[in-house]
PDB file of all heavy atoms in Angstrom:
ATOM      1  N   SER A   1      19.558  -5.462  11.942  1.00  0.00           N
ATOM      2  CA  SER A   1      18.734  -5.645  10.915  1.00  0.00           C
ATOM      3  C   SER A   1      17.169  -5.310  11.345  1.00  0.00           C
ATOM      4  O   SER A   1      16.515  -4.687  10.737  1.00  0.00           O
ATOM      5  CB  SER A   1      18.697  -7.028  10.312  1.00  0.00           C
ATOM      6  OG  SER A   1      17.839  -7.193   9.226  1.00  0.00           O
ATOM      7  N   GLY A   2      16.823  -5.916  12.600  1.00  0.00           N
ATOM      8  CA  GLY A   2      15.681  -5.640  13.078  1.00  0.00           C
ATOM      9  C   GLY A   2      15.366  -4.078  13.331  1.00  0.00           C
ATOM     10  O   GLY A   2      14.280  -3.667  13.135  1.00  0.00           O
ATOM     11  N   PHE A   3      16.288  -3.388  13.770  1.00  0.00           N
ATOM     12  CA  PHE A   3      16.251  -1.921  14.052  1.00  0.00           C
ATOM     13  C   PHE A   3      16.083  -1.073  12.715  1.00  0.00           C
ATOM     14  O   PHE A   3      15.185  -0.278  12.624  1.00  0.00           O
ATOM     15  CB  PHE A   3      17.488  -1.367  14.799  1.00  0.00           C
ATOM     16  CG  PHE A   3      17.459   0.072  15.001  1.00  0.00           C
ATOM     17  CD1 PHE A   3      16.505   0.647  15.907  1.00  0.00           C
ATOM     18  CD2 PHE A   3      18.439   0.827  14.257  1.00  0.00           C
ATOM     19  CE1 PHE A   3      16.518   2.025  16.049  1.00  0.00           C
ATOM     20  CE2 PHE A   3      18.429   2.269  14.422  1.00  0.00           C
ATOM     21  CZ  PHE A   3      17.403   2.817  15.351  1.00  0.00           C
ATOM     22  N   LEU A   4      16.877  -1.545  11.756  1.00  0.00           N
ATOM     23  CA  LEU A   4      16.866  -0.768  10.589  1.00  0.00           C
ATOM     24  C   LEU A   4      15.748  -1.174   9.540  1.00  0.00           C
ATOM     25  O   LEU A   4      15.031  -0.345   9.021  1.00  0.00           O
ATOM     26  CB  LEU A   4      18.247  -0.840   9.808  1.00  0.00           C
ATOM     27  CG  LEU A   4      19.391  -0.344  10.520  1.00  0.00           C
ATOM     28  CD1 LEU A   4      20.703  -0.570   9.796  1.00  0.00           C
ATOM     29  CD2 LEU A   4      19.324   1.182  10.735  1.00  0.00           C
ATOM     30  N   ILE A   5      15.697  -2.442   9.296  1.00  0.00           N
ATOM     31  CA  ILE A   5      14.764  -3.058   8.284  1.00  0.00           C
ATOM     32  C   ILE A   5      13.222  -2.941   8.884  1.00  0.00           C
ATOM     33  O   ILE A   5      12.311  -2.391   8.215  1.00  0.00           O
ATOM     34  CB  ILE A   5      15.083  -4.360   7.812  1.00  0.00           C
ATOM     35  CG1 ILE A   5      16.495  -4.368   7.287  1.00  0.00           C
ATOM     36  CG2 ILE A   5      14.210  -4.742   6.775  1.00  0.00           C
ATOM     37  CD1 ILE A   5      16.897  -3.268   6.243  1.00  0.00           C
ATOM     38  N   THR A   6      13.092  -3.631   9.982  1.00  0.00           N
ATOM     39  CA  THR A   6      11.702  -3.620  10.532  1.00  0.00           C
ATOM     40  C   THR A   6      11.248  -2.250  10.918  1.00  0.00           C
ATOM     41  O   THR A   6      10.226  -1.796  10.832  1.00  0.00           O
ATOM     42  CB  THR A   6      11.787  -4.519  11.884  1.00  0.00           C
ATOM     43  OG1 THR A   6      12.265  -5.839  11.537  1.00  0.00           O
ATOM     44  CG2 THR A   6      10.233  -4.672  12.370  1.00  0.00           C
ATOM     45  N   GLY A   7      12.415  -1.443  11.411  1.00  0.00           N
ATOM     46  CA  GLY A   7      12.097   0.011  11.720  1.00  0.00           C
ATOM     47  C   GLY A   7      11.612   0.785  10.666  1.00  0.00           C
ATOM     48  O   GLY A   7      10.579   1.520  10.669  1.00  0.00           O
ATOM     49  N   GLY A   8      12.152   0.535   9.462  1.00  0.00           N
ATOM     50  CA  GLY A   8      11.590   1.248   8.283  1.00  0.00           C
ATOM     51  C   GLY A   8      10.224   0.790   7.925  1.00  0.00           C
ATOM     52  O   GLY A   8       9.408   1.615   7.410  1.00  0.00           O
ATOM     53  N   LEU A   9       9.926  -0.546   8.097  1.00  0.00           N
ATOM     54  CA  LEU A   9       8.586  -0.946   7.774  1.00  0.00           C
ATOM     55  C   LEU A   9       7.608  -0.236   8.860  1.00  0.00           C
ATOM     56  O   LEU A   9       6.469   0.107   8.472  1.00  0.00           O
ATOM     57  CB  LEU A   9       8.454  -2.451   8.001  1.00  0.00           C
ATOM     58  CG  LEU A   9       9.019  -3.351   6.979  1.00  0.00           C
ATOM     59  CD1 LEU A   9       9.205  -4.830   7.345  1.00  0.00           C
ATOM     60  CD2 LEU A   9       8.395  -3.200   5.605  1.00  0.00           C
ATOM     61  N   VAL A  10       7.991  -0.176  10.044  1.00  0.00           N
ATOM     62  CA  VAL A  10       7.233   0.460  11.087  1.00  0.00           C
ATOM     63  C   VAL A  10       6.924   1.948  10.611  1.00  0.00           C
ATOM     64  O   VAL A  10       5.756   2.425  10.733  1.00  0.00           O
ATOM     65  CB  VAL A  10       7.858   0.408  12.479  1.00  0.00           C
ATOM     66  CG1 VAL A  10       7.179   1.449  13.456  1.00  0.00           C
ATOM     67  CG2 VAL A  10       7.828  -1.022  12.963  1.00  0.00           C
ATOM     68  N   ARG A  11       7.946   2.638  10.314  1.00  0.00           N
ATOM     69  CA  ARG A  11       7.768   4.002   9.850  1.00  0.00           C
ATOM     70  C   ARG A  11       6.893   4.211   8.768  1.00  0.00           C
ATOM     71  O   ARG A  11       5.994   5.086   8.757  1.00  0.00           O
ATOM     72  CB  ARG A  11       9.075   4.602   9.691  1.00  0.00           C
ATOM     73  CG  ARG A  11       9.977   5.014  10.983  1.00  0.00           C
ATOM     74  CD  ARG A  11      11.177   5.672  10.654  1.00  0.00           C
ATOM     75  NE  ARG A  11      12.182   4.851  10.046  1.00  0.00           N
ATOM     76  CZ  ARG A  11      13.103   4.159  10.709  1.00  0.00           C
ATOM     77  NH1 ARG A  11      13.148   4.163  11.987  1.00  0.00           N
ATOM     78  NH2 ARG A  11      14.006   3.449  10.082  1.00  0.00           N
ATOM     79  N   GLU A  12       6.949   3.307   7.759  1.00  0.00           N
ATOM     80  CA  GLU A  12       6.075   3.371   6.615  1.00  0.00           C
ATOM     81  C   GLU A  12       4.599   3.061   6.974  1.00  0.00           C
ATOM     82  O   GLU A  12       3.657   3.819   6.646  1.00  0.00           O
ATOM     83  CB  GLU A  12       6.444   2.436   5.508  1.00  0.00           C
ATOM     84  CG  GLU A  12       5.540   2.431   4.272  1.00  0.00           C
ATOM     85  CD  GLU A  12       5.972   1.364   3.332  1.00  0.00           C
ATOM     86  OE1 GLU A  12       7.072   0.723   3.483  1.00  0.00           O
ATOM     87  OE2 GLU A  12       5.321   1.265   2.389  1.00  0.00           O
ATOM     88  N   SER A  13       4.536   2.220   7.957  1.00  0.00           N
ATOM     89  CA  SER A  13       3.188   1.746   8.529  1.00  0.00           C
ATOM     90  C   SER A  13       2.390   2.935   9.193  1.00  0.00           C
ATOM     91  O   SER A  13       1.219   3.292   8.979  1.00  0.00           O
ATOM     92  CB  SER A  13       3.213   0.555   9.427  1.00  0.00           C
ATOM     93  OG  SER A  13       3.751  -0.572   8.750  1.00  0.00           O
ATOM     94  N   LEU A  14       3.221   3.641  10.040  1.00  0.00           N
ATOM     95  CA  LEU A  14       2.702   4.648  10.812  1.00  0.00           C
ATOM     96  C   LEU A  14       2.304   5.930  10.023  1.00  0.00           C
ATOM     97  O   LEU A  14       1.365   6.706  10.265  1.00  0.00           O
ATOM     98  CB  LEU A  14       3.626   5.068  11.897  1.00  0.00           C
ATOM     99  CG  LEU A  14       3.919   4.032  13.030  1.00  0.00           C
ATOM    100  CD1 LEU A  14       4.887   4.529  14.050  1.00  0.00           C
ATOM    101  CD2 LEU A  14       2.598   3.590  13.724  1.00  0.00           C
ATOM    102  N   SER A  15       3.131   6.153   8.880  1.00  0.00           N
ATOM    103  CA  SER A  15       2.940   7.329   8.084  1.00  0.00           C
ATOM    104  C   SER A  15       1.979   7.147   6.995  1.00  0.00           C
ATOM    105  O   SER A  15       1.202   8.161   6.728  1.00  0.00           O
ATOM    106  CB  SER A  15       4.223   7.871   7.520  1.00  0.00           C
ATOM    107  OG  SER A  15       4.834   6.807   6.595  1.00  0.00           O
ATOM    108  N   THR A  16       1.734   6.095   6.433  1.00  0.00           N
ATOM    109  CA  THR A  16       0.842   5.787   5.323  1.00  0.00           C
ATOM    110  C   THR A  16      -0.275   4.865   5.596  1.00  0.00           C
ATOM    111  O   THR A  16      -1.275   4.939   5.010  1.00  0.00           O
ATOM    112  CB  THR A  16       1.582   5.255   4.131  1.00  0.00           C
ATOM    113  OG1 THR A  16       1.919   3.854   4.390  1.00  0.00           O
ATOM    114  CG2 THR A  16       2.851   6.144   3.756  1.00  0.00           C
ATOM    115  N   GLY A  17      -0.215   4.122   6.784  1.00  0.00           N
ATOM    116  CA  GLY A  17      -1.265   3.235   7.183  1.00  0.00           C
ATOM    117  C   GLY A  17      -1.364   1.929   6.226  1.00  0.00           C
ATOM    118  O   GLY A  17      -2.240   1.120   6.323  1.00  0.00           O
ATOM    119  N   ARG A  18      -0.227   1.759   5.421  1.00  0.00           N
ATOM    120  CA  ARG A  18      -0.099   0.491   4.659  1.00  0.00           C
ATOM    121  C   ARG A  18       1.368   0.185   4.264  1.00  0.00           C
ATOM    122  O   ARG A  18       2.219   1.011   4.701  1.00  0.00           O
ATOM    123  CB  ARG A  18      -0.894   0.666   3.349  1.00  0.00           C
ATOM    124  CG  ARG A  18      -0.456   1.767   2.446  1.00  0.00           C
ATOM    125  CD  ARG A  18      -1.303   1.996   1.240  1.00  0.00           C
ATOM    126  NE  ARG A  18      -0.698   2.920   0.356  1.00  0.00           N
ATOM    127  CZ  ARG A  18       0.111   2.716  -0.664  1.00  0.00           C
ATOM    128  NH1 ARG A  18       0.396   1.413  -0.902  1.00  0.00           N
ATOM    129  NH2 ARG A  18       0.505   3.675  -1.433  1.00  0.00           N
ATOM    130  N   LEU A  19       1.674  -0.939   3.669  1.00  0.00           N
ATOM    131  CA  LEU A  19       2.760  -1.416   3.284  1.00  0.00           C
ATOM    132  C   LEU A  19       3.003  -1.682   1.798  1.00  0.00           C
ATOM    133  O   LEU A  19       1.998  -2.369   1.382  1.00  0.00           O
ATOM    134  CB  LEU A  19       3.412  -2.606   4.130  1.00  0.00           C
ATOM    135  CG  LEU A  19       3.736  -2.311   5.684  1.00  0.00           C
ATOM    136  CD1 LEU A  19       4.005  -3.567   6.287  1.00  0.00           C
ATOM    137  CD2 LEU A  19       4.835  -1.270   5.731  1.00  0.00           C
ATOM    138  N   THR A  20       3.951  -1.247   1.154  1.00  0.00           N
ATOM    139  CA  THR A  20       4.010  -1.617  -0.305  1.00  0.00           C
ATOM    140  C   THR A  20       4.932  -2.787  -0.321  1.00  0.00           C
ATOM    141  O   THR A  20       6.215  -2.731  -0.383  1.00  0.00           O
ATOM    142  CB  THR A  20       4.616  -0.479  -1.067  1.00  0.00           C
ATOM    143  OG1 THR A  20       5.787   0.029  -0.460  1.00  0.00           O
ATOM    144  CG2 THR A  20       3.634   0.612  -1.188  1.00  0.00           C
ATOM    145  N   LEU A  21       4.377  -4.097  -0.194  1.00  0.00           N
ATOM    146  CA  LEU A  21       5.224  -5.282  -0.025  1.00  0.00           C
ATOM    147  C   LEU A  21       5.979  -5.538  -1.126  1.00  0.00           C
ATOM    148  O   LEU A  21       7.170  -5.982  -1.061  1.00  0.00           O
ATOM    149  CB  LEU A  21       4.151  -6.430   0.313  1.00  0.00           C
ATOM    150  CG  LEU A  21       3.203  -6.350   1.475  1.00  0.00           C
ATOM    151  CD1 LEU A  21       2.471  -7.596   1.584  1.00  0.00           C
ATOM    152  CD2 LEU A  21       4.274  -6.145   2.803  1.00  0.00           C
ATOM    153  N   GLY A  22       5.540  -5.256  -2.426  1.00  0.00           N
ATOM    154  CA  GLY A  22       6.298  -5.541  -3.595  1.00  0.00           C
ATOM    155  C   GLY A  22       7.513  -4.786  -3.645  1.00  0.00           C
ATOM    156  O   GLY A  22       8.606  -5.281  -3.971  1.00  0.00           O
ATOM    157  N   ALA A  23       7.427  -3.465  -3.342  1.00  0.00           N
ATOM    158  CA  ALA A  23       8.661  -2.638  -3.289  1.00  0.00           C
ATOM    159  C   ALA A  23       9.651  -3.042  -2.255  1.00  0.00           C
ATOM    160  O   ALA A  23      10.831  -2.952  -2.411  1.00  0.00           O
ATOM    161  CB  ALA A  23       8.087  -1.070  -3.135  1.00  0.00           C
ATOM    162  N   PHE A  24       9.089  -3.491  -1.035  1.00  0.00           N
ATOM    163  CA  PHE A  24      10.004  -3.847  -0.036  1.00  0.00           C
ATOM    164  C   PHE A  24      10.792  -5.049  -0.350  1.00  0.00           C
ATOM    165  O   PHE A  24      12.018  -5.112  -0.234  1.00  0.00           O
ATOM    166  CB  PHE A  24       9.157  -4.092   1.168  1.00  0.00           C
ATOM    167  CG  PHE A  24      10.015  -4.753   2.317  1.00  0.00           C
ATOM    168  CD1 PHE A  24      10.860  -4.061   3.098  1.00  0.00           C
ATOM    169  CD2 PHE A  24       9.821  -6.177   2.605  1.00  0.00           C
ATOM    170  CE1 PHE A  24      11.581  -4.645   4.133  1.00  0.00           C
ATOM    171  CE2 PHE A  24      10.646  -6.732   3.683  1.00  0.00           C
ATOM    172  CZ  PHE A  24      11.464  -5.923   4.392  1.00  0.00           C
ATOM    173  N   TRP A  25      10.072  -6.104  -0.926  1.00  0.00           N
ATOM    174  CA  TRP A  25      10.837  -7.306  -1.269  1.00  0.00           C
ATOM    175  C   TRP A  25      11.746  -7.095  -2.513  1.00  0.00           C
ATOM    176  O   TRP A  25      12.761  -7.800  -2.535  1.00  0.00           O
ATOM    177  CB  TRP A  25       9.735  -8.413  -1.503  1.00  0.00           C
ATOM    178  CG  TRP A  25       9.162  -8.914  -0.292  1.00  0.00           C
ATOM    179  CD1 TRP A  25       9.774  -9.075   0.932  1.00  0.00           C
ATOM    180  CD2 TRP A  25       7.800  -9.255  -0.094  1.00  0.00           C
ATOM    181  NE1 TRP A  25       8.817  -9.673   1.798  1.00  0.00           N
ATOM    182  CE2 TRP A  25       7.605  -9.700   1.220  1.00  0.00           C
ATOM    183  CE3 TRP A  25       6.685  -9.460  -1.005  1.00  0.00           C
ATOM    184  CZ2 TRP A  25       6.496 -10.235   1.695  1.00  0.00           C
ATOM    185  CZ3 TRP A  25       5.500  -9.971  -0.522  1.00  0.00           C
ATOM    186  CH2 TRP A  25       5.338 -10.369   0.764  1.00  0.00           C
ATOM    187  N   SER A  26      11.315  -6.102  -3.389  1.00  0.00           N
ATOM    188  CA  SER A  26      12.197  -5.891  -4.543  1.00  0.00           C
ATOM    189  C   SER A  26      13.490  -5.236  -4.032  1.00  0.00           C
ATOM    190  O   SER A  26      14.631  -5.516  -4.452  1.00  0.00           O
ATOM    191  CB  SER A  26      11.548  -4.822  -5.421  1.00  0.00           C
ATOM    192  OG  SER A  26      12.322  -4.406  -6.472  1.00  0.00           O
ATOM    193  N   ARG A  27      13.413  -4.334  -3.002  1.00  0.00           N
ATOM    194  CA  ARG A  27      14.639  -3.809  -2.345  1.00  0.00           C
ATOM    195  C   ARG A  27      15.475  -4.788  -1.747  1.00  0.00           C
ATOM    196  O   ARG A  27      16.774  -4.752  -1.880  1.00  0.00           O
ATOM    197  CB  ARG A  27      14.263  -2.680  -1.484  1.00  0.00           C
ATOM    198  CG  ARG A  27      13.779  -1.346  -2.024  1.00  0.00           C
ATOM    199  CD  ARG A  27      13.633  -0.274  -1.033  1.00  0.00           C
ATOM    200  NE  ARG A  27      12.917  -0.561   0.241  1.00  0.00           N
ATOM    201  CZ  ARG A  27      11.637  -0.261   0.233  1.00  0.00           C
ATOM    202  NH1 ARG A  27      10.838   0.267  -0.700  1.00  0.00           N
ATOM    203  NH2 ARG A  27      10.941  -0.700   1.359  1.00  0.00           N
ATOM    204  N   ARG A  28      14.807  -5.763  -1.111  1.00  0.00           N
ATOM    205  CA  ARG A  28      15.661  -6.776  -0.524  1.00  0.00           C
ATOM    206  C   ARG A  28      16.482  -7.736  -1.521  1.00  0.00           C
ATOM    207  O   ARG A  28      17.558  -8.079  -1.201  1.00  0.00           O
ATOM    208  CB  ARG A  28      14.705  -7.685   0.318  1.00  0.00           C
ATOM    209  CG  ARG A  28      14.005  -7.113   1.493  1.00  0.00           C
ATOM    210  CD  ARG A  28      14.867  -6.590   2.435  1.00  0.00           C
ATOM    211  NE  ARG A  28      15.578  -7.584   3.240  1.00  0.00           N
ATOM    212  CZ  ARG A  28      16.577  -7.421   4.126  1.00  0.00           C
ATOM    213  NH1 ARG A  28      17.013  -6.339   4.369  1.00  0.00           N
ATOM    214  NH2 ARG A  28      17.094  -8.506   4.718  1.00  0.00           N
ATOM    215  N   ILE A  29      15.721  -8.042  -2.555  1.00  0.00           N
ATOM    216  CA  ILE A  29      16.355  -8.802  -3.641  1.00  0.00           C
ATOM    217  C   ILE A  29      17.603  -8.022  -4.182  1.00  0.00           C
ATOM    218  O   ILE A  29      18.576  -8.641  -4.439  1.00  0.00           O
ATOM    219  CB  ILE A  29      15.259  -9.176  -4.729  1.00  0.00           C
ATOM    220  CG1 ILE A  29      14.171 -10.169  -4.264  1.00  0.00           C
ATOM    221  CG2 ILE A  29      16.006  -9.698  -5.960  1.00  0.00           C
ATOM    222  CD1 ILE A  29      13.048 -10.286  -5.123  1.00  0.00           C
ATOM    223  N   ARG A  30      17.390  -6.792  -4.503  1.00  0.00           N
ATOM    224  CA  ARG A  30      18.420  -6.112  -5.177  1.00  0.00           C
ATOM    225  C   ARG A  30      19.612  -5.897  -4.139  1.00  0.00           C
ATOM    226  O   ARG A  30      20.820  -5.760  -4.711  1.00  0.00           O
ATOM    227  CB  ARG A  30      17.976  -4.698  -5.595  1.00  0.00           C
ATOM    228  CG  ARG A  30      17.046  -4.659  -6.718  1.00  0.00           C
ATOM    229  CD  ARG A  30      17.030  -3.225  -7.394  1.00  0.00           C
ATOM    230  NE  ARG A  30      16.805  -2.182  -6.382  1.00  0.00           N
ATOM    231  CZ  ARG A  30      15.599  -1.775  -6.117  1.00  0.00           C
ATOM    232  NH1 ARG A  30      14.458  -2.241  -6.564  1.00  0.00           N
ATOM    233  NH2 ARG A  30      15.458  -0.710  -5.286  1.00  0.00           N
ATOM    234  N   ARG A  31      19.309  -5.851  -2.965  1.00  0.00           N
ATOM    235  CA  ARG A  31      20.412  -5.641  -1.871  1.00  0.00           C
ATOM    236  C   ARG A  31      21.259  -6.998  -1.797  1.00  0.00           C
ATOM    237  O   ARG A  31      22.447  -6.916  -1.497  1.00  0.00           O
ATOM    238  CB  ARG A  31      19.764  -5.106  -0.558  1.00  0.00           C
ATOM    239  CG  ARG A  31      19.840  -3.738  -0.429  1.00  0.00           C
ATOM    240  CD  ARG A  31      21.358  -3.381  -0.053  1.00  0.00           C
ATOM    241  NE  ARG A  31      21.887  -3.983   1.031  1.00  0.00           N
ATOM    242  CZ  ARG A  31      22.705  -4.897   1.174  1.00  0.00           C
ATOM    243  NH1 ARG A  31      23.291  -5.325  -0.032  1.00  0.00           N
ATOM    244  NH2 ARG A  31      23.209  -5.419   2.126  1.00  0.00           N
ATOM    245  N   LEU A  32      20.482  -7.995  -1.544  1.00  0.00           N
ATOM    246  CA  LEU A  32      21.117  -9.230  -1.014  1.00  0.00           C
ATOM    247  C   LEU A  32      21.486 -10.325  -2.193  1.00  0.00           C
ATOM    248  O   LEU A  32      22.500 -11.020  -2.045  1.00  0.00           O
ATOM    249  CB  LEU A  32      20.274  -9.954  -0.012  1.00  0.00           C
ATOM    250  CG  LEU A  32      19.885  -8.980   1.337  1.00  0.00           C
ATOM    251  CD1 LEU A  32      18.858  -9.720   2.143  1.00  0.00           C
ATOM    252  CD2 LEU A  32      21.186  -8.649   2.010  1.00  0.00           C
ATOM    253  N   LEU A  33      20.646 -10.535  -3.043  1.00  0.00           N
ATOM    254  CA  LEU A  33      20.757 -11.573  -4.038  1.00  0.00           C
ATOM    255  C   LEU A  33      22.010 -11.549  -4.819  1.00  0.00           C
ATOM    256  O   LEU A  33      22.725 -12.661  -5.011  1.00  0.00           O
ATOM    257  CB  LEU A  33      19.480 -11.846  -4.768  1.00  0.00           C
ATOM    258  CG  LEU A  33      19.274 -13.122  -5.431  1.00  0.00           C
ATOM    259  CD1 LEU A  33      19.171 -14.280  -4.281  1.00  0.00           C
ATOM    260  CD2 LEU A  33      17.877 -13.148  -6.316  1.00  0.00           C
ATOM    261  N   PRO A  34      22.372 -10.408  -5.508  1.00  0.00           N
ATOM    262  CA  PRO A  34      23.403 -10.449  -6.394  1.00  0.00           C
ATOM    263  C   PRO A  34      24.716 -10.936  -5.895  1.00  0.00           C
ATOM    264  O   PRO A  34      25.371 -11.824  -6.428  1.00  0.00           O
ATOM    265  CB  PRO A  34      23.605  -9.033  -6.862  1.00  0.00           C
ATOM    266  CG  PRO A  34      22.152  -8.541  -6.753  1.00  0.00           C
ATOM    267  CD  PRO A  34      21.639  -9.158  -5.516  1.00  0.00           C
ATOM    268  N   SER A  35      25.130 -10.441  -4.694  1.00  0.00           N
ATOM    269  CA  SER A  35      26.437 -10.680  -4.110  1.00  0.00           C
ATOM    270  C   SER A  35      26.329 -12.198  -3.553  1.00  0.00           C
ATOM    271  O   SER A  35      27.287 -13.094  -3.703  1.00  0.00           O
ATOM    272  CB  SER A  35      26.715  -9.885  -2.876  1.00  0.00           C
ATOM    273  OG  SER A  35      26.898  -8.539  -3.324  1.00  0.00           O
ATOM    274  N   ALA A  36      25.211 -12.661  -2.967  1.00  0.00           N
ATOM    275  CA  ALA A  36      25.079 -14.072  -2.552  1.00  0.00           C
ATOM    276  C   ALA A  36      25.136 -14.933  -3.620  1.00  0.00           C
ATOM    277  O   ALA A  36      25.917 -16.006  -3.468  1.00  0.00           O
ATOM    278  CB  ALA A  36      23.700 -14.100  -1.855  1.00  0.00           C
ATOM    279  N   LEU A  37      24.529 -14.717  -4.833  1.00  0.00           N
ATOM    280  CA  LEU A  37      24.555 -15.721  -5.876  1.00  0.00           C
ATOM    281  C   LEU A  37      25.931 -15.803  -6.521  1.00  0.00           C
ATOM    282  O   LEU A  37      26.430 -16.805  -6.968  1.00  0.00           O
ATOM    283  CB  LEU A  37      23.557 -15.294  -6.944  1.00  0.00           C
ATOM    284  CG  LEU A  37      22.163 -15.505  -6.514  1.00  0.00           C
ATOM    285  CD1 LEU A  37      21.173 -15.227  -7.664  1.00  0.00           C
ATOM    286  CD2 LEU A  37      21.960 -16.894  -5.998  1.00  0.00           C
ATOM    287  N   ILE A  38      26.710 -14.592  -6.441  1.00  0.00           N
ATOM    288  CA  ILE A  38      28.046 -14.625  -6.974  1.00  0.00           C
ATOM    289  C   ILE A  38      28.967 -15.621  -6.139  1.00  0.00           C
ATOM    290  O   ILE A  38      29.735 -16.423  -6.574  1.00  0.00           O
ATOM    291  CB  ILE A  38      28.687 -13.350  -7.055  1.00  0.00           C
ATOM    292  CG1 ILE A  38      28.061 -12.607  -8.283  1.00  0.00           C
ATOM    293  CG2 ILE A  38      30.168 -13.316  -7.211  1.00  0.00           C
ATOM    294  CD1 ILE A  38      28.543 -11.177  -8.456  1.00  0.00           C
ATOM    295  N   VAL A  39      28.813 -15.388  -4.775  1.00  0.00           N
ATOM    296  CA  VAL A  39      29.678 -16.266  -3.869  1.00  0.00           C
ATOM    297  C   VAL A  39      29.175 -17.744  -4.108  1.00  0.00           C
ATOM    298  O   VAL A  39      30.123 -18.616  -4.010  1.00  0.00           O
ATOM    299  CB  VAL A  39      29.540 -15.852  -2.443  1.00  0.00           C
ATOM    300  CG1 VAL A  39      30.082 -16.663  -1.494  1.00  0.00           C
ATOM    301  CG2 VAL A  39      30.085 -14.376  -2.339  1.00  0.00           C
ATOM    302  N   LEU A  40      27.920 -18.005  -4.235  1.00  0.00           N
ATOM    303  CA  LEU A  40      27.444 -19.380  -4.314  1.00  0.00           C
ATOM    304  C   LEU A  40      27.995 -20.021  -5.637  1.00  0.00           C
ATOM    305  O   LEU A  40      28.280 -21.127  -5.659  1.00  0.00           O
ATOM    306  CB  LEU A  40      25.864 -19.442  -4.153  1.00  0.00           C
ATOM    307  CG  LEU A  40      25.274 -19.105  -2.823  1.00  0.00           C
ATOM    308  CD1 LEU A  40      23.821 -19.127  -2.922  1.00  0.00           C
ATOM    309  CD2 LEU A  40      25.728 -20.140  -1.867  1.00  0.00           C
ATOM    310  N   ALA A  41      27.850 -19.138  -6.690  1.00  0.00           N
ATOM    311  CA  ALA A  41      28.376 -19.765  -8.027  1.00  0.00           C
ATOM    312  C   ALA A  41      29.953 -20.135  -7.945  1.00  0.00           C
ATOM    313  O   ALA A  41      30.371 -21.080  -8.321  1.00  0.00           O
ATOM    314  CB  ALA A  41      28.214 -18.633  -9.128  1.00  0.00           C
ATOM    315  N   ALA A  42      30.674 -19.131  -7.269  1.00  0.00           N
ATOM    316  CA  ALA A  42      32.152 -19.306  -7.023  1.00  0.00           C
ATOM    317  C   ALA A  42      32.302 -20.502  -6.112  1.00  0.00           C
ATOM    318  O   ALA A  42      33.267 -21.333  -6.477  1.00  0.00           O
ATOM    319  CB  ALA A  42      32.814 -18.059  -6.425  1.00  0.00           C
ATOM    320  N   THR A  43      31.538 -20.693  -5.202  1.00  0.00           N
ATOM    321  CA  THR A  43      31.567 -21.827  -4.290  1.00  0.00           C
ATOM    322  C   THR A  43      31.337 -23.260  -5.109  1.00  0.00           C
ATOM    323  O   THR A  43      32.035 -24.226  -4.811  1.00  0.00           O
ATOM    324  CB  THR A  43      30.673 -21.761  -3.093  1.00  0.00           C
ATOM    325  OG1 THR A  43      30.995 -20.627  -2.431  1.00  0.00           O
ATOM    326  CG2 THR A  43      30.807 -22.866  -2.069  1.00  0.00           C
TER     327      THR A  43
END
C-alpha cells in the first residue's frame, strides 16, 4: 500500500507541485468503503 498509494501521491506531487486531497480521499472511499460496510452489515 505504501508503494502504490503513497507512491501515487509522490508522483502527483512531483509532477504538479500540489495534491488534490478531495479527489484522493474520494477514490479511497469508493475503493474501500462499499465492501467494508457490506461485510460489517452482514456481521
